[in-house]
Amino acid sequence: MSIAKIFGDRRHAWAFWTGCLVVTAGVALHLPMYWMGRHMGFRLAGMPMDAGMWWGMALILIGVALAAFGLLPAQKGDDAPLEVLAPPEDAPLTGAHWGMCALLSLALIIDIMKPASLGFVTPGMREEYGLTTAMVAILPFAALSGTVAGSFVWGWLADLYGRRASILLSSVMFVGTSICGAMPDFWWNVGMCFLMGAAAGGMLPVAYALLAEIMPTRHRGRALVLVGGVGAVGGYFAASALSAWLQPDWSWRIMWFLNLPTGLILIALSPLLPESARFLQHVGRGEEARAMLARFGSRVRAATAAPVAESHSHLPPVDRRRLAITLALTLAALAWGLVNFGVLLWLPSALVAEGRSVEAASALIAKSTLIAAPTILLSVWLYSAWSTRGALALMLGVTAAGLFGLMLRGMGVAVLADPVIALALLIVGSSGVIAIILPYTAENYPLRIRGRATGWIAGCSKLGGLLAQGLAVLAAAPPLGVAAAAIGGLTVAALGLVAVFGRETRGRDLRDLEEPG
């Protein structure tokens, strides 16, 4: 398929590639400022921003706008409707499916690496800018705010303009936000961190929606959970490994500049990134849908009336028929965010306050994490071979058990004096929840709102973290036992709603799941 065909027409193709070049040029104008500080350990705090940097920021804005135009071609009608939009249930995986899984795994590794880098840049940033603990907390707060906004906005864009366009727009923004590495002022870092979070938060849910719509039915569940698990583990590994390798020589700033090559890698691979044939059919681009079906080994069996596109622009994506499952997934996502960005981050300080050393507290958490390490593979098996609804409910139950274990320990129950079991349960459960909840969401909503539904739940998972970080910034974080009790109650409520109102999606064609059960 030609580049012009991929982007709709030559005008849009030229706009996209020109926009990418303009954004890259804007970033390049910031590199002299960074290189200027090489004899001072790349310390730039307090240095004035030169004209090249200001022009560079203007070019980045122009380039992002051009690229966005190139990614949003006009919708085209087609009088040849399709019936079969995915391989039949018994179809084997093709090379195109494997290639798409590999590409989306790479995209999620790069996506998750961005916010994961925060923990590795804050020590150097704090020392260079002379920041207090409260000031440093603003940075992850800004990043989480960005991911919440990005998940909501990108999910909406994905339903209007396509899954592929939304993913590539995130990649272009990754390139632009790499200039954070040259910023001489802390508040510029905060602003860029928000934009980076928006791009990262937007890519994750859209990738799940795209994968759900392209994979054959019987392989869909394991592919969704496995690709998400590889992205999560790979993203954190990449961030830690690159930090250990590059920071000693290039300072903390190099972690931001990594957005440049990693974003360009995704852009360079964009011709290989498919659009969902289901989405192309939905917006009336039948010829492109047929070409995409052929690429993935599917055939059109018969023609029927084309589906009528419905307008649903509201958030959350809910009507009375889906109210219960939307509420269940929203509560589960909020609970996960409060656990991951609240309880697990407050835990080291709580253990130290009990009299343990920092080394002992870290070793205890590492030991619990080691016990929980195989969770991703377990989640893949449970989700694909047992039950999608049951797997999510089980992981919510394990999370609740870990939380109530911490609650009882905070009440002085002697049998739980050693927190390893409670921590292991908490880490196993929360890791399983985040591995399952977005794939399950993508399978529970119809095509017309799948992007924004997945974006809503992804945003709510970060919103829980935003609430937890807000309490930390205000120095109002509750005692660990109290927090565990409150979040445990929220988790049990989500568990009950999923058990009663959740649908079983394992082995079911997405077309059979279009209407509420």
Protein backbone atom coordinates (compact mmCIF):
# COMPACT_ATOMS: atom_id res chain seq x y z
CA MET A 1 0.00 0.00 0.00
CA SER A 2 1.44 3.39 -0.97
CA ILE A 3 2.26 6.16 1.52
CA ALA A 4 -0.41 8.37 -0.05
CA LYS A 5 -3.01 5.61 0.31
CA ILE A 6 -2.07 5.12 3.97
CA PHE A 7 -2.63 8.81 4.71
CA GLY A 8 -5.69 9.24 2.51
CA ASP A 9 -4.07 11.34 -0.26
CA ARG A 10 -0.74 12.96 -1.18
CA ARG A 11 -1.64 16.28 0.42
CA HIS A 12 -2.13 14.65 3.79
CA ALA A 13 0.97 12.49 3.40
CA TRP A 14 3.10 15.55 2.64
CA ALA A 15 1.59 17.41 5.59
CA PHE A 16 2.39 14.56 7.99
CA TRP A 17 5.99 14.03 6.91
CA THR A 18 6.66 17.77 6.68
CA GLY A 19 5.24 18.20 10.16
CA CYS A 20 7.55 15.46 11.49
CA LEU A 21 10.58 17.16 9.91
CA VAL A 22 9.56 20.56 11.32
CA VAL A 23 9.15 19.11 14.83
CA THR A 24 12.55 17.40 14.58
CA ALA A 25 14.15 20.66 13.43
CA GLY A 26 12.56 22.44 16.39
CA VAL A 27 14.09 19.90 18.77
CA ALA A 28 17.48 20.19 17.04
CA LEU A 29 17.53 23.94 17.82
CA HIS A 30 17.56 23.05 21.52
CA LEU A 31 20.57 20.76 21.35
CA PRO A 32 23.22 23.57 21.39
CA MET A 33 21.95 24.69 24.82
CA TYR A 34 22.33 21.16 26.14
CA TRP A 35 25.79 20.69 24.59
CA MET A 36 26.91 24.04 25.97
CA GLY A 37 26.75 22.60 29.48
CA ARG A 38 28.94 19.55 28.79
CA HIS A 39 31.90 20.95 30.76
CA MET A 40 29.65 21.58 33.78
CA GLY A 41 28.05 18.14 33.97
CA PHE A 42 25.24 19.40 31.70
CA ARG A 43 23.96 21.71 34.42
CA LEU A 44 21.80 24.38 32.78
CA ALA A 45 19.82 25.77 35.72
CA GLY A 46 19.59 29.54 35.62
CA MET A 47 20.94 29.94 32.08
CA PRO A 48 18.93 32.24 29.77
CA MET A 49 17.04 30.67 26.86
CA ASP A 50 18.50 31.76 23.52
CA ALA A 51 16.62 32.76 20.37
CA GLY A 52 17.15 29.34 18.82
CA MET A 53 15.20 27.69 21.63
CA TRP A 54 12.26 30.08 21.26
CA TRP A 55 12.20 29.54 17.49
CA GLY A 56 12.48 25.81 18.11
CA MET A 57 9.38 25.79 20.31
CA ALA A 58 7.45 27.71 17.65
CA LEU A 59 8.52 25.17 15.02
CA ILE A 60 7.39 22.30 17.25
CA LEU A 61 3.91 23.80 17.57
CA ILE A 62 3.69 24.33 13.81
CA GLY A 63 5.00 20.84 13.11
CA VAL A 64 2.54 19.12 15.45
CA ALA A 65 -0.33 21.02 13.77
CA LEU A 66 0.88 19.97 10.31
CA ALA A 67 1.30 16.35 11.35
CA ALA A 68 -2.16 16.35 12.95
CA PHE A 69 -3.67 17.64 9.70
CA GLY A 70 -1.88 14.92 7.76
CA LEU A 71 -3.25 12.26 10.09
CA LEU A 72 -6.87 13.40 9.87
CA PRO A 73 -7.99 12.94 6.25
CA ALA A 74 -11.56 13.56 5.22
CA GLN A 75 -13.93 10.63 5.51
CA LYS A 76 -14.93 9.00 2.24
CA GLY A 77 -18.12 7.18 1.40
CA ASP A 78 -18.26 3.79 -0.34
CA ASP A 79 -21.27 2.02 -1.78
CA ALA A 80 -19.80 -1.48 -1.32
CA PRO A 81 -20.51 -2.51 2.27
CA LEU A 82 -18.74 -5.40 3.97
CA GLU A 83 -20.00 -8.07 6.29
CA VAL A 84 -16.90 -9.90 7.51
CA LEU A 85 -14.49 -7.47 9.13
CA ALA A 86 -12.16 -9.92 10.84
CA PRO A 87 -10.87 -13.44 10.28
CA PRO A 88 -13.34 -16.14 11.37
CA GLU A 89 -13.01 -17.63 14.81
CA ASP A 90 -10.92 -20.60 13.63
CA ALA A 91 -8.53 -18.58 11.45
CA PRO A 92 -4.81 -19.03 12.13
CA LEU A 93 -2.51 -16.18 12.96
CA THR A 94 -0.68 -14.72 9.97
CA GLY A 95 2.67 -12.97 9.67
CA ALA A 96 0.81 -9.65 9.54
CA HIS A 97 -0.74 -10.36 12.95
CA TRP A 98 2.63 -11.21 14.49
CA GLY A 99 4.15 -8.09 12.97
CA MET A 100 1.36 -5.92 14.37
CA CYS A 101 1.77 -7.46 17.84
CA ALA A 102 5.52 -6.81 17.73
CA LEU A 103 5.01 -3.21 16.57
CA LEU A 104 2.38 -2.45 19.21
CA SER A 105 4.58 -4.08 21.88
CA LEU A 106 7.41 -1.75 20.86
CA ALA A 107 5.02 1.21 20.89
CA LEU A 108 3.84 0.37 24.42
CA ILE A 109 7.41 -0.17 25.66
CA ILE A 110 8.31 3.31 24.41
CA ASP A 111 5.03 4.71 25.73
CA ILE A 112 5.42 3.31 29.25
CA MET A 113 9.11 4.19 29.35
CA LYS A 114 8.21 7.91 29.32
CA PRO A 115 6.39 8.18 32.67
CA ALA A 116 8.61 5.43 34.12
CA SER A 117 11.61 7.72 33.57
CA LEU A 118 10.22 10.19 36.13
CA GLY A 119 11.63 8.24 39.04
CA PHE A 120 15.09 8.32 37.49
CA VAL A 121 15.21 12.04 36.63
CA THR A 122 13.82 13.53 39.84
CA PRO A 123 16.96 13.00 42.01
CA GLY A 124 19.20 14.85 39.56
CA MET A 125 16.57 17.47 38.87
CA ARG A 126 16.07 18.09 42.57
CA GLU A 127 19.78 18.55 43.13
CA GLU A 128 20.33 20.83 40.12
CA TYR A 129 17.34 23.09 40.72
CA GLY A 130 17.61 23.01 44.53
CA LEU A 131 14.04 21.80 45.01
CA THR A 132 12.20 20.83 48.17
CA THR A 133 10.37 17.52 48.51
CA ALA A 134 7.03 19.25 47.98
CA MET A 135 8.28 20.93 44.80
CA VAL A 136 9.59 17.65 43.40
CA ALA A 137 6.16 16.07 43.95
CA ILE A 138 4.70 18.56 41.46
CA LEU A 139 6.49 16.80 38.58
CA PRO A 140 4.76 13.40 38.84
CA PHE A 141 1.54 15.24 39.65
CA ALA A 142 1.83 17.11 36.33
CA ALA A 143 2.68 13.90 34.47
CA LEU A 144 -0.33 12.06 35.92
CA SER A 145 -2.56 15.03 35.09
CA GLY A 146 -1.33 14.78 31.51
CA THR A 147 -2.03 11.06 31.29
CA VAL A 148 -5.59 11.57 32.55
CA ALA A 149 -6.25 14.30 29.99
CA GLY A 150 -4.50 12.34 27.22
CA SER A 151 -6.49 9.17 27.86
CA PHE A 152 -9.78 11.04 27.63
CA VAL A 153 -8.88 13.19 24.60
CA TRP A 154 -7.04 10.53 22.57
CA GLY A 155 -9.83 8.01 23.10
CA TRP A 156 -12.26 10.55 21.67
CA LEU A 157 -9.92 11.26 18.72
CA ALA A 158 -9.53 7.54 18.04
CA ASP A 159 -13.28 7.15 17.56
CA LEU A 160 -13.49 10.18 15.26
CA TYR A 161 -10.33 9.92 13.16
CA GLY A 162 -8.95 6.43 13.67
CA ARG A 163 -6.78 4.34 15.95
CA ARG A 164 -3.67 4.66 13.77
CA ALA A 165 -3.85 8.46 13.55
CA SER A 166 -4.10 8.79 17.33
CA ILE A 167 -1.07 6.54 17.96
CA LEU A 168 1.08 8.45 15.46
CA LEU A 169 0.03 11.82 16.89
CA SER A 170 1.33 10.60 20.26
CA SER A 171 4.63 9.66 18.61
CA VAL A 172 5.02 13.14 17.10
CA MET A 173 4.38 14.69 20.50
CA PHE A 174 6.98 12.39 22.06
CA VAL A 175 9.56 13.90 19.71
CA GLY A 176 8.50 17.45 20.57
CA THR A 177 8.58 16.97 24.33
CA SER A 178 12.22 15.81 24.23
CA ILE A 179 13.20 19.50 24.50
CA CYS A 180 12.52 19.13 28.22
CA GLY A 181 16.14 17.95 28.43
CA ALA A 182 17.39 21.43 27.52
CA MET A 183 15.12 23.47 29.78
CA PRO A 184 17.06 25.68 32.24
CA ASP A 185 14.01 26.26 34.44
CA PHE A 186 12.07 23.73 36.54
CA TRP A 187 8.64 25.03 35.54
CA TRP A 188 9.36 24.44 31.85
CA ASN A 189 10.05 20.83 32.83
CA VAL A 190 6.69 20.67 34.59
CA GLY A 191 4.86 21.97 31.51
CA MET A 192 6.64 19.59 29.15
CA CYS A 193 6.04 16.74 31.58
CA PHE A 194 2.30 17.40 31.35
CA LEU A 195 2.45 17.22 27.53
CA MET A 196 4.57 14.08 27.63
CA GLY A 197 2.03 12.51 29.99
CA ALA A 198 -0.80 13.48 27.63
CA ALA A 199 0.92 11.74 24.71
CA ALA A 200 1.75 8.65 26.79
CA GLY A 201 -1.72 8.45 28.31
CA GLY A 202 -3.30 8.71 24.88
CA MET A 203 -1.37 5.92 23.16
CA LEU A 204 -2.05 3.12 25.65
CA PRO A 205 -5.86 2.75 25.41
CA VAL A 206 -5.91 3.33 21.64
CA ALA A 207 -3.36 0.53 21.10
CA TYR A 208 -5.68 -1.86 22.96
CA ALA A 209 -8.67 -0.81 20.83
CA LEU A 210 -6.68 -1.36 17.61
CA LEU A 211 -5.38 -4.76 18.71
CA ALA A 212 -8.85 -5.94 19.78
CA GLU A 213 -10.31 -5.08 16.37
CA ILE A 214 -7.64 -6.79 14.27
CA MET A 215 -6.79 -10.03 16.11
CA PRO A 216 -8.70 -13.24 15.26
CA THR A 217 -11.31 -14.04 17.89
CA ARG A 218 -9.68 -17.08 19.47
CA HIS A 219 -6.32 -15.32 19.81
CA ARG A 220 -7.63 -11.91 20.86
CA GLY A 221 -7.62 -12.34 24.64
CA ARG A 222 -4.09 -13.68 25.05
CA ALA A 223 -2.73 -11.17 22.54
CA LEU A 224 -4.28 -8.22 24.38
CA VAL A 225 -2.96 -9.21 27.79
CA LEU A 226 0.44 -10.40 26.54
CA VAL A 227 1.18 -7.29 24.47
CA GLY A 228 0.14 -5.10 27.40
CA GLY A 229 2.31 -7.11 29.80
CA VAL A 230 5.34 -6.98 27.50
CA GLY A 231 4.85 -3.23 27.15
CA ALA A 232 4.66 -2.68 30.92
CA VAL A 233 7.63 -4.87 31.84
CA GLY A 234 9.69 -3.72 28.85
CA GLY A 235 8.96 -0.05 29.50
CA TYR A 236 10.15 -0.14 33.11
CA PHE A 237 13.17 -2.26 32.15
CA ALA A 238 14.12 0.12 29.33
CA ALA A 239 13.83 3.16 31.59
CA SER A 240 15.99 1.64 34.33
CA ALA A 241 18.59 0.15 31.97
CA LEU A 242 19.00 3.32 29.90
CA SER A 243 19.21 5.40 33.07
CA ALA A 244 22.01 3.22 34.46
CA TRP A 245 23.85 3.31 31.14
CA LEU A 246 23.49 6.97 30.11
CA GLN A 247 22.96 9.14 33.20
CA PRO A 248 26.51 8.86 34.62
CA ASP A 249 27.93 10.52 31.49
CA TRP A 250 25.05 12.60 30.18
CA SER A 251 23.13 13.62 33.35
CA TRP A 252 19.43 13.20 34.07
CA ARG A 253 18.58 15.35 31.05
CA ILE A 254 19.41 12.56 28.61
CA MET A 255 16.33 10.66 29.80
CA TRP A 256 14.15 13.38 28.29
CA PHE A 257 16.17 13.54 25.05
CA LEU A 258 15.47 9.83 24.53
CA ASN A 259 12.00 10.94 23.44
CA LEU A 260 13.61 12.13 20.19
CA PRO A 261 15.02 8.82 18.83
CA THR A 262 12.25 6.65 20.28
CA GLY A 263 9.51 8.85 18.84
CA LEU A 264 11.26 8.91 15.46
CA ILE A 265 11.49 5.11 15.49
CA LEU A 266 7.70 4.86 15.80
CA ILE A 267 7.21 7.46 13.07
CA ALA A 268 9.64 5.65 10.74
CA LEU A 269 7.69 2.42 11.27
CA SER A 270 4.33 4.13 10.65
CA PRO A 271 3.85 2.61 7.16
CA LEU A 272 3.75 -0.79 8.88
CA LEU A 273 1.12 0.27 11.42
CA PRO A 274 -2.34 -0.82 10.24
CA GLU A 275 -5.67 0.87 10.69
CA SER A 276 -8.58 -1.17 11.94
CA ALA A 277 -10.64 -2.51 9.01
CA ARG A 278 -13.66 -2.33 11.31
CA PHE A 279 -13.08 1.38 11.82
CA LEU A 280 -12.46 2.00 8.10
CA GLN A 281 -15.75 0.30 7.28
CA HIS A 282 -17.52 2.21 10.04
CA VAL A 283 -16.54 5.60 8.54
CA GLY A 284 -17.36 4.55 4.97
CA ARG A 285 -13.83 3.90 3.63
CA GLY A 286 -14.72 0.51 2.16
CA GLU A 287 -11.92 0.24 -0.40
CA GLU A 288 -9.27 0.77 2.28
CA ALA A 289 -11.08 -1.68 4.58
CA ARG A 290 -10.97 -4.38 1.88
CA ALA A 291 -7.24 -3.80 1.37
CA MET A 292 -6.63 -4.07 5.11
CA LEU A 293 -8.68 -7.26 5.32
CA ALA A 294 -6.60 -8.78 2.54
CA ARG A 295 -3.42 -7.81 4.36
CA PHE A 296 -4.55 -9.87 7.37
CA GLY A 297 -5.82 -12.84 5.36
CA SER A 298 -9.56 -12.19 5.65
CA ARG A 299 -12.13 -12.49 2.88
CA VAL A 300 -15.43 -10.73 2.31
CA ARG A 301 -18.20 -13.32 2.38
CA ALA A 302 -21.26 -11.27 1.50
CA ALA A 303 -22.46 -7.70 1.24
CA THR A 304 -25.04 -6.30 3.63
CA ALA A 305 -26.18 -2.84 4.55
CA ALA A 306 -23.30 -0.74 5.77
CA PRO A 307 -23.39 0.05 9.48
CA VAL A 308 -24.75 3.44 10.36
CA ALA A 309 -22.30 5.64 12.19
CA GLU A 310 -23.76 6.94 15.41
CA SER A 311 -22.61 10.09 17.11
CA HIS A 312 -21.58 9.59 20.72
CA SER A 313 -19.27 12.40 21.78
CA HIS A 314 -19.89 12.41 25.48
CA LEU A 315 -17.67 11.14 28.27
CA PRO A 316 -17.97 8.78 29.93
CA PRO A 317 -19.24 6.52 27.12
CA VAL A 318 -22.33 5.32 28.90
CA ASP A 319 -26.00 4.83 28.33
CA ARG A 320 -28.52 3.12 30.58
CA ARG A 321 -27.74 -0.27 29.06
CA ARG A 322 -24.04 -0.02 29.94
CA LEU A 323 -24.26 1.94 33.16
CA ALA A 324 -23.46 -0.99 35.47
CA ILE A 325 -20.38 -2.25 33.61
CA THR A 326 -19.08 1.30 33.14
CA LEU A 327 -19.44 1.94 36.87
CA ALA A 328 -17.76 -1.38 37.70
CA LEU A 329 -14.74 -0.72 35.47
CA THR A 330 -14.50 2.91 36.61
CA LEU A 331 -14.36 1.90 40.30
CA ALA A 332 -11.83 -0.84 39.52
CA ALA A 333 -9.62 1.63 37.63
CA LEU A 334 -9.81 4.23 40.41
CA ALA A 335 -8.93 1.59 43.01
CA TRP A 336 -5.93 0.43 40.99
CA GLY A 337 -4.63 4.00 40.66
CA LEU A 338 -4.96 4.57 44.41
CA VAL A 339 -3.05 1.33 45.08
CA ASN A 340 -0.30 1.82 42.52
CA PHE A 341 0.33 5.53 43.01
CA GLY A 342 -0.76 5.73 46.62
CA VAL A 343 -0.38 2.68 48.86
CA LEU A 344 2.68 1.24 47.10
CA LEU A 345 4.41 4.65 47.06
CA TRP A 346 3.55 5.41 50.69
CA LEU A 347 4.60 1.96 51.86
CA PRO A 348 8.39 2.50 52.09
CA SER A 349 7.95 5.57 54.30
CA ALA A 350 5.45 3.68 56.49
CA LEU A 351 7.90 0.80 56.96
CA VAL A 352 10.73 3.19 57.82
CA ALA A 353 8.46 4.97 60.30
CA GLU A 354 7.98 1.61 62.03
CA GLY A 355 11.69 1.47 62.70
CA ARG A 356 12.96 -0.50 59.72
CA SER A 357 15.97 0.79 57.82
CA VAL A 358 15.62 2.01 54.24
CA GLU A 359 17.61 -1.03 53.09
CA ALA A 360 15.36 -3.43 55.00
CA ALA A 361 12.21 -1.77 53.68
CA SER A 362 13.49 -1.92 50.10
CA ALA A 363 14.50 -5.56 50.51
CA LEU A 364 11.07 -6.43 51.89
CA ILE A 365 9.30 -4.82 48.94
CA ALA A 366 11.72 -6.48 46.48
CA LYS A 367 11.03 -9.87 48.08
CA SER A 368 7.28 -9.34 47.74
CA THR A 369 7.69 -8.22 44.12
CA LEU A 370 9.74 -11.33 43.31
CA ILE A 371 6.90 -13.52 44.61
CA ALA A 372 4.51 -11.61 42.37
CA ALA A 373 6.72 -11.64 39.25
CA PRO A 374 4.90 -14.35 37.24
CA THR A 375 1.61 -12.44 37.44
CA ILE A 376 1.61 -11.35 33.79
CA LEU A 377 1.88 -14.93 32.48
CA LEU A 378 -0.76 -16.04 34.97
CA SER A 379 -3.05 -13.23 33.81
CA VAL A 380 -2.57 -14.23 30.15
CA TRP A 381 -3.55 -17.83 30.94
CA LEU A 382 -6.54 -16.94 33.11
CA TYR A 383 -7.86 -14.39 30.63
CA SER A 384 -7.50 -16.51 27.50
CA ALA A 385 -8.07 -20.06 28.81
CA TRP A 386 -10.43 -19.64 31.75
CA SER A 387 -12.67 -16.57 31.88
CA THR A 388 -12.24 -12.87 31.07
CA ARG A 389 -14.79 -11.73 33.65
CA GLY A 390 -13.56 -14.27 36.19
CA ALA A 391 -9.91 -13.27 35.70
CA LEU A 392 -10.68 -9.60 36.42
CA ALA A 393 -12.87 -10.47 39.41
CA LEU A 394 -10.19 -12.81 40.79
CA MET A 395 -7.46 -10.17 40.54
CA LEU A 396 -9.70 -7.59 42.21
CA GLY A 397 -10.31 -10.10 45.01
CA VAL A 398 -6.59 -10.73 45.46
CA THR A 399 -5.99 -6.96 45.57
CA ALA A 400 -8.70 -6.55 48.20
CA ALA A 401 -7.16 -9.37 50.26
CA GLY A 402 -3.79 -7.63 50.22
CA LEU A 403 -5.36 -4.31 51.22
CA PHE A 404 -7.30 -5.82 54.10
CA GLY A 405 -4.12 -7.61 55.17
CA LEU A 406 -2.40 -4.24 55.47
CA MET A 407 -5.45 -2.86 57.27
CA LEU A 408 -5.41 -5.67 59.86
CA ARG A 409 -1.69 -5.27 60.29
CA GLY A 410 -2.22 -1.58 60.96
CA MET A 411 -4.71 -2.61 63.65
CA GLY A 412 -2.00 -4.66 65.36
CA VAL A 413 -3.15 -8.18 64.43
CA ALA A 414 -0.11 -10.24 65.41
CA VAL A 415 -0.49 -12.96 62.80
CA LEU A 416 0.20 -10.36 60.10
CA ALA A 417 3.25 -8.82 61.75
CA ASP A 418 5.35 -9.76 58.70
CA PRO A 419 3.81 -7.88 55.76
CA VAL A 420 5.36 -10.03 52.98
CA ILE A 421 2.16 -12.03 52.35
CA ALA A 422 -0.07 -8.95 52.31
CA LEU A 423 2.36 -7.12 50.01
CA ALA A 424 2.68 -10.08 47.67
CA LEU A 425 -1.11 -10.34 47.41
CA LEU A 426 -1.36 -6.61 46.77
CA ILE A 427 1.30 -6.63 44.06
CA VAL A 428 -0.06 -9.79 42.41
CA GLY A 429 -3.60 -8.43 42.42
CA SER A 430 -2.80 -4.92 41.22
CA SER A 431 -0.46 -6.22 38.48
CA GLY A 432 -3.19 -8.57 37.30
CA VAL A 433 -5.86 -5.86 37.36
CA ILE A 434 -3.90 -3.46 35.14
CA ALA A 435 -2.95 -6.29 32.77
CA ILE A 436 -6.61 -7.27 32.31
CA ILE A 437 -8.82 -4.22 32.75
CA LEU A 438 -8.03 -2.38 29.49
CA PRO A 439 -8.29 -5.49 27.27
CA TYR A 440 -11.58 -6.34 28.98
CA THR A 441 -12.83 -2.79 28.44
CA ALA A 442 -11.92 -2.89 24.75
CA GLU A 443 -14.00 -6.06 24.35
CA ASN A 444 -17.05 -4.72 26.20
CA TYR A 445 -17.87 -1.64 24.11
CA PRO A 446 -19.03 -1.32 20.50
CA LEU A 447 -16.85 -0.01 17.71
CA ARG A 448 -18.34 3.49 17.67
CA ILE A 449 -17.22 4.24 21.26
CA ARG A 450 -14.48 1.67 21.87
CA GLY A 451 -11.65 4.21 21.74
CA ARG A 452 -13.17 6.66 24.19
CA ALA A 453 -14.42 3.86 26.47
CA THR A 454 -10.93 2.39 26.77
CA GLY A 455 -9.55 5.92 27.15
CA TRP A 456 -12.06 6.66 29.92
CA ILE A 457 -11.03 3.62 31.97
CA ALA A 458 -7.32 4.27 31.34
CA GLY A 459 -7.83 7.87 32.43
CA CYS A 460 -9.65 6.79 35.58
CA SER A 461 -6.75 4.50 36.51
CA LYS A 462 -4.48 7.55 36.41
CA LEU A 463 -7.11 9.72 38.10
CA GLY A 464 -6.89 7.48 41.17
CA GLY A 465 -3.16 8.08 41.17
CA LEU A 466 -3.73 11.80 40.75
CA LEU A 467 -5.92 11.82 43.87
CA ALA A 468 -3.23 9.95 45.81
CA GLN A 469 -0.46 12.27 44.63
CA GLY A 470 -2.61 15.30 45.42
CA LEU A 471 -2.88 14.11 49.02
CA ALA A 472 0.89 13.66 49.10
CA VAL A 473 1.51 17.17 47.74
CA LEU A 474 -0.83 18.58 50.42
CA ALA A 475 0.87 16.43 53.09
CA ALA A 476 -2.55 14.94 53.81
CA ALA A 477 -1.89 11.27 53.05
CA PRO A 478 -3.78 9.11 55.59
CA PRO A 479 -2.14 6.39 57.71
CA LEU A 480 -1.43 3.29 55.65
CA GLY A 481 -4.03 1.13 57.46
CA VAL A 482 -6.78 3.72 56.97
CA ALA A 483 -5.90 4.13 53.28
CA ALA A 484 -5.89 0.34 52.80
CA ALA A 485 -9.34 0.03 54.41
CA ALA A 486 -10.90 2.75 52.26
CA ILE A 487 -9.38 1.50 48.99
CA GLY A 488 -10.24 -2.08 49.96
CA GLY A 489 -13.90 -1.12 50.25
CA LEU A 490 -13.78 0.51 46.81
CA THR A 491 -12.15 -2.62 45.36
CA VAL A 492 -14.79 -4.92 46.86
CA ALA A 493 -17.53 -2.74 45.37
CA ALA A 494 -15.90 -3.00 41.94
CA LEU A 495 -15.54 -6.76 42.39
CA GLY A 496 -19.23 -7.16 43.17
CA LEU A 497 -20.31 -5.13 40.14
CA VAL A 498 -17.97 -7.04 37.80
CA ALA A 499 -19.20 -10.39 39.15
CA VAL A 500 -22.87 -9.45 38.68
CA PHE A 501 -22.87 -7.27 35.57
CA GLY A 502 -19.66 -8.20 33.75
CA ARG A 503 -19.93 -10.11 30.48
CA GLU A 504 -17.92 -13.14 29.46
CA THR A 505 -16.00 -12.16 26.30
CA ARG A 506 -13.65 -15.13 25.90
CA GLY A 507 -13.95 -16.69 22.45
CA ARG A 508 -16.75 -14.36 21.31
CA ASP A 509 -16.63 -12.42 18.06
CA LEU A 510 -16.57 -8.66 18.63
CA ARG A 511 -19.67 -8.33 16.45
CA ASP A 512 -21.56 -10.51 18.93
CA LEU A 513 -20.54 -8.12 21.71
CA GLU A 514 -21.77 -4.94 20.02
CA GLU A 515 -24.98 -4.82 22.05
CA PRO A 516 -25.20 -5.10 25.86
CA GLY A 517 -25.93 -8.55 27.20
